[in-house]
Protein backbone atom coordinates (compact mmCIF):
# COMPACT_ATOMS: atom_id res chain seq x y z
CA UNK A 1 217.65 69.89 -2.68
CA UNK A 2 218.52 70.26 1.08
CA UNK A 3 221.25 67.93 2.35
CA UNK A 4 219.13 66.71 5.11
CA UNK A 5 216.60 65.72 2.38
CA UNK A 6 218.82 63.73 0.03
CA UNK A 7 220.27 61.85 3.18
CA UNK A 8 216.83 60.47 3.78
CA UNK A 9 216.66 57.42 2.09
CA UNK A 10 219.58 56.66 3.71
CA UNK A 11 218.27 57.33 6.77
CA UNK A 12 215.13 55.28 6.06
CA UNK A 13 217.03 51.90 6.48
CA UNK A 14 218.86 52.65 9.76
CA UNK A 15 217.22 51.16 12.48
CA UNK A 16 218.27 52.56 16.06
CA UNK A 17 221.44 50.32 15.51
CA UNK A 18 222.57 53.15 14.21
CA UNK A 19 223.52 51.23 11.10
CA UNK A 20 221.31 50.13 8.17
CA UNK A 21 219.31 47.39 8.92
CA UNK A 22 217.92 44.49 7.50
CA UNK A 23 214.17 42.82 8.18
CA UNK A 24 214.85 39.03 8.59
CA UNK A 25 211.21 38.14 10.16
CA UNK A 26 207.68 39.07 9.71
CA UNK A 27 205.35 37.62 12.45
CA UNK A 28 202.57 37.84 14.40
CA UNK A 29 204.05 34.70 16.74
CA UNK A 30 204.86 36.51 20.08
CA UNK A 31 206.58 33.34 21.18
CA UNK A 32 208.99 32.85 17.60
CA UNK A 33 210.22 36.52 18.15
CA UNK A 34 210.66 35.91 21.46
CA UNK A 35 212.47 32.71 20.45
CA UNK A 36 214.68 34.87 17.56
CA UNK A 37 215.84 37.35 20.20
CA UNK A 38 217.13 34.73 22.59
CA UNK A 39 219.14 33.17 19.82
CA UNK A 40 219.98 36.77 18.37
CA UNK A 41 221.56 37.97 22.30
CA UNK A 42 223.23 34.40 22.55
CA UNK A 43 225.30 35.06 19.40
CA UNK A 44 225.96 38.90 19.98
CA UNK A 45 224.20 39.85 16.89
CA UNK A 46 222.45 43.93 17.07
CA UNK A 47 218.61 43.52 16.45
CA UNK A 48 215.68 45.63 16.59
CA UNK A 49 212.13 44.34 17.14
CA UNK A 50 209.70 47.02 15.81
CA UNK A 51 205.77 47.19 16.06
CA UNK A 52 206.04 45.22 19.23
CA UNK A 53 203.65 47.57 21.06
CA UNK A 54 200.83 47.63 18.97
CA UNK A 55 198.61 45.54 20.44
CA UNK A 56 197.47 48.29 22.07
CA UNK A 57 196.21 49.49 19.08
CA UNK A 58 194.75 46.71 17.67
CA UNK A 59 193.13 45.74 20.65
CA UNK A 60 195.74 42.41 21.54
CA UNK A 61 194.03 40.39 18.39
CA UNK A 62 197.54 39.48 16.95
CA UNK A 63 197.14 41.12 13.50
CA UNK A 64 199.52 43.20 13.26
CA UNK A 65 203.10 41.53 12.23
CA UNK A 66 205.96 42.12 14.85
CA UNK A 67 208.84 42.64 12.34
CA UNK A 68 212.89 41.36 13.33
CA UNK A 69 215.71 43.84 11.55
CA UNK A 70 218.99 42.95 12.35
CA UNK A 71 222.54 45.45 11.60
CA UNK A 72 223.23 45.03 7.85
CA UNK A 73 226.98 43.93 8.46
CA UNK A 74 225.11 41.02 10.28
CA UNK A 75 222.50 39.87 8.60
CA UNK A 76 223.92 36.87 6.92
CA UNK A 77 225.18 35.65 10.57
CA UNK A 78 221.49 35.68 11.74
CA UNK A 79 220.16 33.94 8.66
CA UNK A 80 222.23 31.17 9.26
CA UNK A 81 221.93 31.03 12.64
CA UNK A 82 218.37 30.95 12.49
CA UNK A 83 218.13 28.38 9.49
CA UNK A 84 220.80 26.72 11.74
CA UNK A 85 218.01 26.67 14.16
CA UNK A 86 215.42 24.92 12.22
CA UNK A 87 213.78 28.56 11.09
CA UNK A 88 214.95 28.76 7.74
CA UNK A 89 211.03 28.84 6.56
CA UNK A 90 210.15 31.70 8.92
CA UNK A 91 213.01 34.00 7.26
CA UNK A 92 212.17 36.87 4.69
CA UNK A 93 213.07 36.52 1.35
CA UNK A 94 216.82 37.28 1.31
CA UNK A 95 217.15 40.79 -0.73
CA UNK A 96 220.68 40.67 -1.42
């Protein structure tokens, strides 16, 4: 097995942040995504929004959810921040 193939699972959990990431939110609500981004930006928590521009493919129907990912090292503080903001019900189950 080549070294690049052996590292594929590790790379799969890395986003543009350059570190392992965790999905903390998945929603079709663009306003919620914007609010979460503002909270994370304000707290200085590195994050990434995926599938934000998929509306071009779906015809702006809002059927494809947007995903918010945070650096694995910041996932607990991000979850706590969003829980404190009253968004606990919107969070993805914590996988560990």
